[in-house]
């Protein structure tokens, strides 16, 4: 798979953040990494024009992924989001469940980008 575009990955677990970023780079994406939603807001403000997708954990300290999405969509309403979670029981449909493998990640990202392009 060869893709393109810039994805902002927001994950408070450093190991998962690093692994996810590496998998996305192997697919051809440029990746910006944030280990906290507050950092993600700053990074987003610096790179808003180039970010095509935000991949964020659902549960993080002080601000969850949904709240982050609301803040970023206020800045860029058409911005697509892909949520990930380790909570297999309590996650709504469409959430990428951790741990995931590279093909699952790539498919989820491609589907999130396709869904936005179709709108």
PDB file of N, CA and C in Angstrom:
ATOM      1  N   UNK A   1       0.841  -1.188   0.000  1.00  0.00           N
ATOM      2  CA  UNK A   1       0.000   0.000   0.000  1.00  0.00           C
ATOM      3  C   UNK A   1       0.874   1.235   0.000  1.00  0.00           C
ATOM      4  N   UNK A   2       0.586   2.164  -0.873  1.00  0.00           N
ATOM      5  CA  UNK A   2       1.298   3.437  -0.888  1.00  0.00           C
ATOM      6  C   UNK A   2       0.270   4.552  -0.789  1.00  0.00           C
ATOM      7  N   UNK A   3       0.349   5.318   0.261  1.00  0.00           N
ATOM      8  CA  UNK A   3      -0.620   6.382   0.516  1.00  0.00           C
ATOM      9  C   UNK A   3       0.096   7.710   0.569  1.00  0.00           C
ATOM     10  N   UNK A   4      -0.602   8.714   0.999  1.00  0.00           N
ATOM     11  CA  UNK A   4       0.012  10.019   1.145  1.00  0.00           C
ATOM     12  C   UNK A   4      -0.837  10.910   2.011  1.00  0.00           C
ATOM     13  N   UNK A   5      -0.261  12.022   2.417  1.00  0.00           N
ATOM     14  CA  UNK A   5      -0.956  12.959   3.281  1.00  0.00           C
ATOM     15  C   UNK A   5      -0.359  12.922   4.676  1.00  0.00           C
ATOM     16  N   UNK A   6      -0.780  13.873   5.486  1.00  0.00           N
ATOM     17  CA  UNK A   6      -0.260  13.999   6.841  1.00  0.00           C
ATOM     18  C   UNK A   6      -1.327  13.599   7.842  1.00  0.00           C
ATOM     19  N   UNK A   7      -0.965  12.716   8.743  1.00  0.00           N
ATOM     20  CA  UNK A   7      -1.869  12.245   9.789  1.00  0.00           C
ATOM     21  C   UNK A   7      -1.304  12.663  11.143  1.00  0.00           C
ATOM     22  N   UNK A   8      -2.175  13.245  11.964  1.00  0.00           N
ATOM     23  CA  UNK A   8      -1.822  13.570  13.339  1.00  0.00           C
ATOM     24  C   UNK A   8      -2.272  12.409  14.217  1.00  0.00           C
ATOM     25  N   UNK A   9      -1.329  11.769  14.899  1.00  0.00           N
ATOM     26  CA  UNK A   9      -1.626  10.649  15.788  1.00  0.00           C
ATOM     27  C   UNK A   9      -1.511  11.139  17.234  1.00  0.00           C
ATOM     28  N   UNK A  10      -2.588  10.916  17.998  1.00  0.00           N
ATOM     29  CA  UNK A  10      -2.631  11.359  19.394  1.00  0.00           C
ATOM     30  C   UNK A  10      -2.843  10.131  20.275  1.00  0.00           C
ATOM     31  N   UNK A  11      -1.835   9.812  21.065  1.00  0.00           N
ATOM     32  CA  UNK A  11      -1.860   8.602  21.898  1.00  0.00           C
ATOM     33  C   UNK A  11      -0.975   8.835  23.109  1.00  0.00           C
ATOM     34  N   UNK A  12      -1.506   8.604  24.309  1.00  0.00           N
ATOM     35  CA  UNK A  12      -0.738   8.869  25.521  1.00  0.00           C
ATOM     36  C   UNK A  12       0.230   7.748  25.890  1.00  0.00           C
ATOM     37  N   UNK A  13       0.109   6.588  25.274  1.00  0.00           N
ATOM     38  CA  UNK A  13       1.053   5.499  25.505  1.00  0.00           C
ATOM     39  C   UNK A  13       2.179   5.622  24.480  1.00  0.00           C
ATOM     40  N   UNK A  14       3.388   5.912  24.961  1.00  0.00           N
ATOM     41  CA  UNK A  14       4.517   6.182  24.067  1.00  0.00           C
ATOM     42  C   UNK A  14       4.812   5.029  23.119  1.00  0.00           C
ATOM     43  N   UNK A  15       4.733   3.801  23.598  1.00  0.00           N
ATOM     44  CA  UNK A  15       5.017   2.644  22.748  1.00  0.00           C
ATOM     45  C   UNK A  15       4.002   2.496  21.625  1.00  0.00           C
ATOM     46  N   UNK A  16       2.726   2.666  21.955  1.00  0.00           N
ATOM     47  CA  UNK A  16       1.684   2.573  20.929  1.00  0.00           C
ATOM     48  C   UNK A  16       1.803   3.724  19.940  1.00  0.00           C
ATOM     49  N   UNK A  17       2.116   4.912  20.447  1.00  0.00           N
ATOM     50  CA  UNK A  17       2.293   6.074  19.570  1.00  0.00           C
ATOM     51  C   UNK A  17       3.415   5.819  18.567  1.00  0.00           C
ATOM     52  N   UNK A  18       4.550   5.340  19.058  1.00  0.00           N
ATOM     53  CA  UNK A  18       5.702   5.084  18.189  1.00  0.00           C
ATOM     54  C   UNK A  18       5.403   4.001  17.152  1.00  0.00           C
ATOM     55  N   UNK A  19       4.781   2.911  17.590  1.00  0.00           N
ATOM     56  CA  UNK A  19       4.473   1.812  16.683  1.00  0.00           C
ATOM     57  C   UNK A  19       3.444   2.228  15.620  1.00  0.00           C
ATOM     58  N   UNK A  20       2.421   2.940  16.038  1.00  0.00           N
ATOM     59  CA  UNK A  20       1.393   3.399  15.101  1.00  0.00           C
ATOM     60  C   UNK A  20       1.993   4.354  14.075  1.00  0.00           C
ATOM     61  N   UNK A  21       2.806   5.278  14.527  1.00  0.00           N
ATOM     62  CA  UNK A  21       3.456   6.223  13.612  1.00  0.00           C
ATOM     63  C   UNK A  21       4.344   5.486  12.611  1.00  0.00           C
ATOM     64  N   UNK A  22       5.065   4.496  13.089  1.00  0.00           N
ATOM     65  CA  UNK A  22       5.944   3.722  12.199  1.00  0.00           C
ATOM     66  C   UNK A  22       5.124   2.990  11.128  1.00  0.00           C
ATOM     67  N   UNK A  23       4.015   2.389  11.529  1.00  0.00           N
ATOM     68  CA  UNK A  23       3.167   1.667  10.571  1.00  0.00           C
ATOM     69  C   UNK A  23       2.588   2.615   9.522  1.00  0.00           C
ATOM     70  N   UNK A  24       2.191   3.793   9.938  1.00  0.00           N
ATOM     71  CA  UNK A  24       1.637   4.759   8.988  1.00  0.00           C
ATOM     72  C   UNK A  24       2.708   5.282   8.030  1.00  0.00           C
ATOM     73  N   UNK A  25       3.903   5.477   8.543  1.00  0.00           N
ATOM     74  CA  UNK A  25       4.999   5.928   7.666  1.00  0.00           C
ATOM     75  C   UNK A  25       5.336   4.866   6.624  1.00  0.00           C
ATOM     76  N   UNK A  26       5.262   3.600   7.015  1.00  0.00           N
ATOM     77  CA  UNK A  26       5.503   2.520   6.057  1.00  0.00           C
ATOM     78  C   UNK A  26       4.465   2.530   4.935  1.00  0.00           C
ATOM     79  N   UNK A  27       3.288   3.037   5.217  1.00  0.00           N
ATOM     80  CA  UNK A  27       2.228   3.135   4.203  1.00  0.00           C
ATOM     81  C   UNK A  27       2.391   4.382   3.339  1.00  0.00           C
ATOM     82  N   UNK A  28       3.331   5.244   3.667  1.00  0.00           N
ATOM     83  CA  UNK A  28       3.577   6.419   2.858  1.00  0.00           C
ATOM     84  C   UNK A  28       3.028   7.722   3.414  1.00  0.00           C
ATOM     85  N   UNK A  29       2.477   7.685   4.624  1.00  0.00           N
ATOM     86  CA  UNK A  29       1.943   8.904   5.232  1.00  0.00           C
ATOM     87  C   UNK A  29       3.050   9.674   5.942  1.00  0.00           C
ATOM     88  N   UNK A  30       2.891  10.967   6.018  1.00  0.00           N
ATOM     89  CA  UNK A  30       3.684  11.801   6.905  1.00  0.00           C
ATOM     90  C   UNK A  30       2.942  11.790   8.229  1.00  0.00           C
ATOM     91  N   UNK A  31       3.661  11.624   9.330  1.00  0.00           N
ATOM     92  CA  UNK A  31       3.006  11.490  10.633  1.00  0.00           C
ATOM     93  C   UNK A  31       3.522  12.555  11.591  1.00  0.00           C
ATOM     94  N   UNK A  32       2.573  13.219  12.233  1.00  0.00           N
ATOM     95  CA  UNK A  32       2.867  14.130  13.331  1.00  0.00           C
ATOM     96  C   UNK A  32       2.393  13.438  14.599  1.00  0.00           C
ATOM     97  N   UNK A  33       3.209  13.445  15.648  1.00  0.00           N
ATOM     98  CA  UNK A  33       2.910  12.693  16.853  1.00  0.00           C
ATOM     99  C   UNK A  33       2.660  13.612  18.038  1.00  0.00           C
ATOM    100  N   UNK A  34       1.618  13.294  18.804  1.00  0.00           N
ATOM    101  CA  UNK A  34       1.325  14.011  20.043  1.00  0.00           C
ATOM    102  C   UNK A  34       0.990  12.994  21.119  1.00  0.00           C
ATOM    103  N   UNK A  35       1.613  13.130  22.283  1.00  0.00           N
ATOM    104  CA  UNK A  35       1.323  12.183  23.357  1.00  0.00           C
ATOM    105  C   UNK A  35       0.306  12.727  24.346  1.00  0.00           C
ATOM    106  N   UNK A  36      -0.262  13.885  24.030  1.00  0.00           N
ATOM    107  CA  UNK A  36      -1.299  14.477  24.878  1.00  0.00           C
ATOM    108  C   UNK A  36      -2.185  15.364  24.005  1.00  0.00           C
ATOM    109  N   UNK A  37      -3.475  15.416  24.286  1.00  0.00           N
ATOM    110  CA  UNK A  37      -4.370  16.242  23.469  1.00  0.00           C
ATOM    111  C   UNK A  37      -3.985  17.725  23.430  1.00  0.00           C
ATOM    112  N   UNK A  38      -3.448  18.251  24.522  1.00  0.00           N
ATOM    113  CA  UNK A  38      -3.028  19.662  24.512  1.00  0.00           C
ATOM    114  C   UNK A  38      -1.898  19.859  23.510  1.00  0.00           C
ATOM    115  N   UNK A  39      -0.964  18.917  23.448  1.00  0.00           N
ATOM    116  CA  UNK A  39       0.108  18.975  22.457  1.00  0.00           C
ATOM    117  C   UNK A  39      -0.470  18.865  21.049  1.00  0.00           C
ATOM    118  N   UNK A  40      -1.493  18.043  20.904  1.00  0.00           N
ATOM    119  CA  UNK A  40      -2.129  17.878  19.590  1.00  0.00           C
ATOM    120  C   UNK A  40      -2.731  19.182  19.099  1.00  0.00           C
ATOM    121  N   UNK A  41      -3.321  19.962  19.999  1.00  0.00           N
ATOM    122  CA  UNK A  41      -3.890  21.259  19.604  1.00  0.00           C
ATOM    123  C   UNK A  41      -2.803  22.192  19.076  1.00  0.00           C
ATOM    124  N   UNK A  42      -1.671  22.205  19.746  1.00  0.00           N
ATOM    125  CA  UNK A  42      -0.559  23.051  19.314  1.00  0.00           C
ATOM    126  C   UNK A  42      -0.013  22.596  17.963  1.00  0.00           C
ATOM    127  N   UNK A  43       0.208  21.305  17.828  1.00  0.00           N
ATOM    128  CA  UNK A  43       0.713  20.762  16.561  1.00  0.00           C
ATOM    129  C   UNK A  43      -0.277  21.036  15.439  1.00  0.00           C
ATOM    130  N   UNK A  44      -1.558  20.833  15.726  1.00  0.00           N
ATOM    131  CA  UNK A  44      -2.582  21.078  14.708  1.00  0.00           C
ATOM    132  C   UNK A  44      -2.541  22.530  14.246  1.00  0.00           C
ATOM    133  N   UNK A  45      -2.447  23.463  15.174  1.00  0.00           N
ATOM    134  CA  UNK A  45      -2.424  24.884  14.801  1.00  0.00           C
ATOM    135  C   UNK A  45      -1.230  25.229  13.909  1.00  0.00           C
ATOM    136  N   UNK A  46      -0.140  24.496  14.055  1.00  0.00           N
ATOM    137  CA  UNK A  46       1.050  24.730  13.241  1.00  0.00           C
ATOM    138  C   UNK A  46       0.978  24.053  11.876  1.00  0.00           C
ATOM    139  N   UNK A  47       0.125  23.012  11.727  1.00  0.00           N
ATOM    140  CA  UNK A  47       0.107  22.203  10.502  1.00  0.00           C
ATOM    141  C   UNK A  47      -1.300  21.946   9.964  1.00  0.00           C
ATOM    142  N   UNK A  48      -2.258  22.767  10.330  1.00  0.00           N
ATOM    143  CA  UNK A  48      -3.666  22.510   9.991  1.00  0.00           C
ATOM    144  C   UNK A  48      -3.894  22.272   8.505  1.00  0.00           C
ATOM    145  N   UNK A  49      -3.246  23.040   7.663  1.00  0.00           N
ATOM    146  CA  UNK A  49      -3.488  22.939   6.221  1.00  0.00           C
ATOM    147  C   UNK A  49      -3.063  21.595   5.644  1.00  0.00           C
ATOM    148  N   UNK A  50      -2.049  20.970   6.219  1.00  0.00           N
ATOM    149  CA  UNK A  50      -1.542  19.716   5.655  1.00  0.00           C
ATOM    150  C   UNK A  50      -2.131  18.459   6.289  1.00  0.00           C
ATOM    151  N   UNK A  51      -2.778  18.577   7.440  1.00  0.00           N
ATOM    152  CA  UNK A  51      -3.323  17.396   8.126  1.00  0.00           C
ATOM    153  C   UNK A  51      -4.597  16.936   7.427  1.00  0.00           C
ATOM    154  N   UNK A  52      -4.602  15.660   7.016  1.00  0.00           N
ATOM    155  CA  UNK A  52      -5.755  15.097   6.299  1.00  0.00           C
ATOM    156  C   UNK A  52      -6.596  14.186   7.189  1.00  0.00           C
ATOM    157  N   UNK A  53      -6.062  13.809   8.360  1.00  0.00           N
ATOM    158  CA  UNK A  53      -6.771  12.901   9.262  1.00  0.00           C
ATOM    159  C   UNK A  53      -6.146  12.993  10.644  1.00  0.00           C
ATOM    160  N   UNK A  54      -6.994  12.847  11.665  1.00  0.00           N
ATOM    161  CA  UNK A  54      -6.497  12.724  13.036  1.00  0.00           C
ATOM    162  C   UNK A  54      -6.870  11.342  13.539  1.00  0.00           C
ATOM    163  N   UNK A  55      -5.871  10.603  13.999  1.00  0.00           N
ATOM    164  CA  UNK A  55      -6.053   9.287  14.612  1.00  0.00           C
ATOM    165  C   UNK A  55      -5.793   9.475  16.090  1.00  0.00           C
ATOM    166  N   UNK A  56      -6.822   9.297  16.923  1.00  0.00           N
ATOM    167  CA  UNK A  56      -6.668   9.583  18.336  1.00  0.00           C
ATOM    168  C   UNK A  56      -7.232   8.485  19.212  1.00  0.00           C
ATOM    169  N   UNK A  57      -6.577   8.306  20.345  1.00  0.00           N
ATOM    170  CA  UNK A  57      -7.086   7.398  21.360  1.00  0.00           C
ATOM    171  C   UNK A  57      -8.375   7.997  21.919  1.00  0.00           C
ATOM    172  N   UNK A  58      -9.278   7.140  22.348  1.00  0.00           N
ATOM    173  CA  UNK A  58     -10.539   7.609  22.917  1.00  0.00           C
ATOM    174  C   UNK A  58     -10.319   8.136  24.333  1.00  0.00           C
ATOM    175  N   UNK A  59      -9.572   7.381  25.140  1.00  0.00           N
ATOM    176  CA  UNK A  59      -9.364   7.763  26.531  1.00  0.00           C
ATOM    177  C   UNK A  59      -7.941   8.216  26.767  1.00  0.00           C
ATOM    178  N   UNK A  60      -7.840   9.471  27.252  1.00  0.00           N
ATOM    179  CA  UNK A  60      -6.539  10.035  27.596  1.00  0.00           C
ATOM    180  C   UNK A  60      -6.717  10.929  28.816  1.00  0.00           C
ATOM    181  N   UNK A  61      -5.643  11.226  29.524  1.00  0.00           N
ATOM    182  CA  UNK A  61      -5.755  12.098  30.706  1.00  0.00           C
ATOM    183  C   UNK A  61      -6.196  13.511  30.342  1.00  0.00           C
ATOM    184  N   UNK A  62      -7.031  14.079  31.133  1.00  0.00           N
ATOM    185  CA  UNK A  62      -7.496  15.468  31.089  1.00  0.00           C
ATOM    186  C   UNK A  62      -8.354  15.851  29.900  1.00  0.00           C
ATOM    187  N   UNK A  63      -8.267  15.158  28.779  1.00  0.00           N
ATOM    188  CA  UNK A  63      -9.120  15.454  27.632  1.00  0.00           C
ATOM    189  C   UNK A  63      -9.246  14.176  26.812  1.00  0.00           C
ATOM    190  N   UNK A  64     -10.472  13.749  26.575  1.00  0.00           N
ATOM    191  CA  UNK A  64     -10.630  12.520  25.800  1.00  0.00           C
ATOM    192  C   UNK A  64     -10.636  12.813  24.295  1.00  0.00           C
ATOM    193  N   UNK A  65     -10.629  11.769  23.509  1.00  0.00           N
ATOM    194  CA  UNK A  65     -10.567  11.918  22.061  1.00  0.00           C
ATOM    195  C   UNK A  65     -11.764  12.654  21.475  1.00  0.00           C
ATOM    196  N   UNK A  66     -12.946  12.440  22.052  1.00  0.00           N
ATOM    197  CA  UNK A  66     -14.143  13.129  21.562  1.00  0.00           C
ATOM    198  C   UNK A  66     -14.041  14.639  21.782  1.00  0.00           C
ATOM    199  N   UNK A  67     -13.565  15.045  22.961  1.00  0.00           N
ATOM    200  CA  UNK A  67     -13.395  16.478  23.234  1.00  0.00           C
ATOM    201  C   UNK A  67     -12.348  17.090  22.313  1.00  0.00           C
ATOM    202  N   UNK A  68     -11.276  16.357  22.069  1.00  0.00           N
ATOM    203  CA  UNK A  68     -10.256  16.823  21.133  1.00  0.00           C
ATOM    204  C   UNK A  68     -10.857  17.009  19.745  1.00  0.00           C
ATOM    205  N   UNK A  69     -11.661  16.051  19.318  1.00  0.00           N
ATOM    206  CA  UNK A  69     -12.302  16.148  17.998  1.00  0.00           C
ATOM    207  C   UNK A  69     -13.172  17.388  17.905  1.00  0.00           C
ATOM    208  N   UNK A  70     -13.930  17.686  18.938  1.00  0.00           N
ATOM    209  CA  UNK A  70     -14.780  18.889  18.929  1.00  0.00           C
ATOM    210  C   UNK A  70     -13.940  20.158  18.782  1.00  0.00           C
ATOM    211  N   UNK A  71     -12.834  20.219  19.503  1.00  0.00           N
ATOM    212  CA  UNK A  71     -11.968  21.401  19.430  1.00  0.00           C
ATOM    213  C   UNK A  71     -11.330  21.549  18.044  1.00  0.00           C
ATOM    214  N   UNK A  72     -10.871  20.435  17.484  1.00  0.00           N
ATOM    215  CA  UNK A  72     -10.219  20.509  16.174  1.00  0.00           C
ATOM    216  C   UNK A  72     -11.228  20.740  15.050  1.00  0.00           C
ATOM    217  N   UNK A  73     -12.424  20.171  15.170  1.00  0.00           N
ATOM    218  CA  UNK A  73     -13.448  20.400  14.139  1.00  0.00           C
ATOM    219  C   UNK A  73     -13.943  21.838  14.154  1.00  0.00           C
ATOM    220  N   UNK A  74     -13.833  22.511  15.286  1.00  0.00           N
ATOM    221  CA  UNK A  74     -14.167  23.934  15.338  1.00  0.00           C
ATOM    222  C   UNK A  74     -13.175  24.737  14.500  1.00  0.00           C
ATOM    223  N   UNK A  75     -11.959  24.225  14.378  1.00  0.00           N
ATOM    224  CA  UNK A  75     -10.924  24.882  13.586  1.00  0.00           C
ATOM    225  C   UNK A  75     -10.961  24.456  12.113  1.00  0.00           C
ATOM    226  N   UNK A  76     -11.343  23.196  11.864  1.00  0.00           N
ATOM    227  CA  UNK A  76     -11.364  22.644  10.505  1.00  0.00           C
ATOM    228  C   UNK A  76     -12.531  21.646  10.427  1.00  0.00           C
ATOM    229  N   UNK A  77     -13.725  22.132  10.104  1.00  0.00           N
ATOM    230  CA  UNK A  77     -14.943  21.306  10.186  1.00  0.00           C
ATOM    231  C   UNK A  77     -14.921  20.030   9.343  1.00  0.00           C
ATOM    232  N   UNK A  78     -14.230  20.032   8.235  1.00  0.00           N
ATOM    233  CA  UNK A  78     -14.222  18.860   7.356  1.00  0.00           C
ATOM    234  C   UNK A  78     -13.194  17.803   7.759  1.00  0.00           C
ATOM    235  N   UNK A  79     -12.477  18.032   8.844  1.00  0.00           N
ATOM    236  CA  UNK A  79     -11.404  17.145   9.277  1.00  0.00           C
ATOM    237  C   UNK A  79     -11.927  15.773   9.699  1.00  0.00           C
ATOM    238  N   UNK A  80     -11.458  14.696   9.057  1.00  0.00           N
ATOM    239  CA  UNK A  80     -11.883  13.364   9.477  1.00  0.00           C
ATOM    240  C   UNK A  80     -11.086  12.874  10.684  1.00  0.00           C
ATOM    241  N   UNK A  81     -11.763  12.047  11.474  1.00  0.00           N
ATOM    242  CA  UNK A  81     -11.165  11.450  12.660  1.00  0.00           C
ATOM    243  C   UNK A  81     -11.308   9.948  12.599  1.00  0.00           C
ATOM    244  N   UNK A  82     -10.328   9.274  13.142  1.00  0.00           N
ATOM    245  CA  UNK A  82     -10.390   7.840  13.365  1.00  0.00           C
ATOM    246  C   UNK A  82     -10.018   7.649  14.829  1.00  0.00           C
ATOM    247  N   UNK A  83     -10.902   6.982  15.567  1.00  0.00           N
ATOM    248  CA  UNK A  83     -10.675   6.760  16.989  1.00  0.00           C
ATOM    249  C   UNK A  83     -10.170   5.350  17.213  1.00  0.00           C
ATOM    250  N   UNK A  84      -9.296   5.200  18.222  1.00  0.00           N
ATOM    251  CA  UNK A  84      -8.781   3.888  18.591  1.00  0.00           C
ATOM    252  C   UNK A  84      -8.965   3.704  20.087  1.00  0.00           C
ATOM    253  N   UNK A  85      -9.151   2.454  20.482  1.00  0.00           N
ATOM    254  CA  UNK A  85      -9.391   2.169  21.890  1.00  0.00           C
ATOM    255  C   UNK A  85      -8.966   0.744  22.215  1.00  0.00           C
ATOM    256  N   UNK A  86      -8.560   0.553  23.437  1.00  0.00           N
ATOM    257  CA  UNK A  86      -8.248  -0.781  23.924  1.00  0.00           C
ATOM    258  C   UNK A  86      -9.435  -1.421  24.631  1.00  0.00           C
ATOM    259  N   UNK A  87     -10.549  -0.697  24.714  1.00  0.00           N
ATOM    260  CA  UNK A  87     -11.755  -1.175  25.388  1.00  0.00           C
ATOM    261  C   UNK A  87     -12.638  -1.929  24.401  1.00  0.00           C
ATOM    262  N   UNK A  88     -12.467  -3.228  24.343  1.00  0.00           N
ATOM    263  CA  UNK A  88     -13.192  -4.040  23.361  1.00  0.00           C
ATOM    264  C   UNK A  88     -14.690  -4.094  23.637  1.00  0.00           C
ATOM    265  N   UNK A  89     -15.090  -3.980  24.884  1.00  0.00           N
ATOM    266  CA  UNK A  89     -16.503  -4.095  25.254  1.00  0.00           C
ATOM    267  C   UNK A  89     -17.250  -2.775  25.106  1.00  0.00           C
ATOM    268  N   UNK A  90     -16.625  -1.674  25.461  1.00  0.00           N
ATOM    269  CA  UNK A  90     -17.348  -0.406  25.525  1.00  0.00           C
ATOM    270  C   UNK A  90     -17.151   0.523  24.342  1.00  0.00           C
ATOM    271  N   UNK A  91     -16.515   0.054  23.292  1.00  0.00           N
ATOM    272  CA  UNK A  91     -16.233   0.928  22.149  1.00  0.00           C
ATOM    273  C   UNK A  91     -17.364   0.858  21.127  1.00  0.00           C
ATOM    274  N   UNK A  92     -17.758   2.012  20.602  1.00  0.00           N
ATOM    275  CA  UNK A  92     -18.799   2.011  19.569  1.00  0.00           C
ATOM    276  C   UNK A  92     -18.261   1.473  18.242  1.00  0.00           C
ATOM    277  N   UNK A  93     -19.152   1.120  17.324  1.00  0.00           N
ATOM    278  CA  UNK A  93     -18.709   0.652  16.000  1.00  0.00           C
ATOM    279  C   UNK A  93     -17.845   1.719  15.320  1.00  0.00           C
ATOM    280  N   UNK A  94     -16.904   1.248  14.527  1.00  0.00           N
ATOM    281  CA  UNK A  94     -16.045   2.166  13.787  1.00  0.00           C
ATOM    282  C   UNK A  94     -14.768   2.550  14.508  1.00  0.00           C
ATOM    283  N   UNK A  95     -14.649   2.149  15.760  1.00  0.00           N
ATOM    284  CA  UNK A  95     -13.438   2.441  16.527  1.00  0.00           C
ATOM    285  C   UNK A  95     -12.422   1.337  16.245  1.00  0.00           C
ATOM    286  N   UNK A  96     -11.196   1.736  15.965  1.00  0.00           N
ATOM    287  CA  UNK A  96     -10.104   0.794  15.729  1.00  0.00           C
ATOM    288  C   UNK A  96      -9.666   0.221  17.072  1.00  0.00           C
ATOM    289  N   UNK A  97      -9.811  -1.071  17.229  1.00  0.00           N
ATOM    290  CA  UNK A  97      -9.500  -1.699  18.509  1.00  0.00           C
ATOM    291  C   UNK A  97      -8.026  -2.071  18.620  1.00  0.00           C
ATOM    292  N   UNK A  98      -7.419  -1.687  19.729  1.00  0.00           N
ATOM    293  CA  UNK A  98      -6.030  -2.033  20.021  1.00  0.00           C
ATOM    294  C   UNK A  98      -6.012  -3.360  20.760  1.00  0.00           C
ATOM    295  N   UNK A  99      -5.020  -4.185  20.549  1.00  0.00           N
ATOM    296  CA  UNK A  99      -3.930  -4.006  19.590  1.00  0.00           C
ATOM    297  C   UNK A  99      -4.413  -4.323  18.176  1.00  0.00           C
ATOM    298  N   UNK A 100      -3.864  -3.600  17.226  1.00  0.00           N
ATOM    299  CA  UNK A 100      -4.207  -3.832  15.822  1.00  0.00           C
ATOM    300  C   UNK A 100      -2.945  -4.149  15.041  1.00  0.00           C
ATOM    301  N   UNK A 101      -3.139  -4.764  13.915  1.00  0.00           N
ATOM    302  CA  UNK A 101      -2.026  -5.091  13.013  1.00  0.00           C
ATOM    303  C   UNK A 101      -1.993  -4.065  11.892  1.00  0.00           C
ATOM    304  N   UNK A 102      -0.890  -4.030  11.195  1.00  0.00           N
ATOM    305  CA  UNK A 102      -0.689  -3.056  10.134  1.00  0.00           C
ATOM    306  C   UNK A 102      -1.826  -3.047   9.109  1.00  0.00           C
ATOM    307  N   UNK A 103      -2.254  -4.192   8.559  1.00  0.00           N
ATOM    308  CA  UNK A 103      -3.330  -4.154   7.565  1.00  0.00           C
ATOM    309  C   UNK A 103      -4.632  -3.564   8.120  1.00  0.00           C
ATOM    310  N   UNK A 104      -4.925  -3.833   9.386  1.00  0.00           N
ATOM    311  CA  UNK A 104      -6.128  -3.271   9.999  1.00  0.00           C
ATOM    312  C   UNK A 104      -6.022  -1.750  10.078  1.00  0.00           C
ATOM    313  N   UNK A 105      -4.875  -1.265  10.483  1.00  0.00           N
ATOM    314  CA  UNK A 105      -4.656   0.179  10.580  1.00  0.00           C
ATOM    315  C   UNK A 105      -4.770   0.824   9.214  1.00  0.00           C
ATOM    316  N   UNK A 106      -4.082   0.260   8.237  1.00  0.00           N
ATOM    317  CA  UNK A 106      -4.098   0.838   6.896  1.00  0.00           C
ATOM    318  C   UNK A 106      -5.515   0.866   6.328  1.00  0.00           C
ATOM    319  N   UNK A 107      -6.267  -0.229   6.515  1.00  0.00           N
ATOM    320  CA  UNK A 107      -7.644  -0.269   6.012  1.00  0.00           C
ATOM    321  C   UNK A 107      -8.523   0.760   6.703  1.00  0.00           C
ATOM    322  N   UNK A 108      -8.384   0.878   8.018  1.00  0.00           N
ATOM    323  CA  UNK A 108      -9.199   1.829   8.772  1.00  0.00           C
ATOM    324  C   UNK A 108      -8.912   3.265   8.331  1.00  0.00           C
ATOM    325  N   UNK A 109      -7.640   3.587   8.146  1.00  0.00           N
ATOM    326  CA  UNK A 109      -7.266   4.926   7.684  1.00  0.00           C
ATOM    327  C   UNK A 109      -7.790   5.189   6.279  1.00  0.00           C
ATOM    328  N   UNK A 110      -7.608   4.232   5.385  1.00  0.00           N
ATOM    329  CA  UNK A 110      -8.099   4.390   4.019  1.00  0.00           C
ATOM    330  C   UNK A 110      -9.612   4.574   3.989  1.00  0.00           C
ATOM    331  N   UNK A 111     -10.334   3.817   4.808  1.00  0.00           N
ATOM    332  CA  UNK A 111     -11.790   3.941   4.856  1.00  0.00           C
ATOM    333  C   UNK A 111     -12.221   5.291   5.425  1.00  0.00           C
ATOM    334  N   UNK A 112     -11.525   5.772   6.445  1.00  0.00           N
ATOM    335  CA  UNK A 112     -11.845   7.075   7.025  1.00  0.00           C
ATOM    336  C   UNK A 112     -11.615   8.197   6.007  1.00  0.00           C
ATOM    337  N   UNK A 113     -10.538   8.085   5.249  1.00  0.00           N
ATOM    338  CA  UNK A 113     -10.256   9.104   4.231  1.00  0.00           C
ATOM    339  C   UNK A 113     -11.236   9.019   3.065  1.00  0.00           C
ATOM    340  N   UNK A 114     -11.611   7.785   2.681  1.00  0.00           N
ATOM    341  CA  UNK A 114     -12.592   7.596   1.594  1.00  0.00           C
ATOM    342  C   UNK A 114     -13.948   8.155   1.973  1.00  0.00           C
ATOM    343  N   UNK A 115     -14.350   7.923   3.201  1.00  0.00           N
ATOM    344  CA  UNK A 115     -15.656   8.391   3.657  1.00  0.00           C
ATOM    345  C   UNK A 115     -15.732   9.918   3.607  1.00  0.00           C
ATOM    346  N   UNK A 116     -14.631  10.572   3.926  1.00  0.00           N
ATOM    347  CA  UNK A 116     -14.590  12.030   3.874  1.00  0.00           C
ATOM    348  C   UNK A 116     -14.582  12.527   2.433  1.00  0.00           C
ATOM    349  N   UNK A 117     -13.852  11.839   1.577  1.00  0.00           N
ATOM    350  CA  UNK A 117     -13.765  12.251   0.176  1.00  0.00           C
ATOM    351  C   UNK A 117     -15.108  12.107  -0.532  1.00  0.00           C
ATOM    352  N   UNK A 118     -15.927  11.154  -0.073  1.00  0.00           N
ATOM    353  CA  UNK A 118     -17.223  10.908  -0.703  1.00  0.00           C
ATOM    354  C   UNK A 118     -18.260  11.959  -0.320  1.00  0.00           C
ATOM    355  N   UNK A 119     -18.009  12.699   0.747  1.00  0.00           N
ATOM    356  CA  UNK A 119     -18.994  13.684   1.216  1.00  0.00           C
ATOM    357  C   UNK A 119     -18.940  14.927   0.363  1.00  0.00           C
TER     358      UNK A 119
END
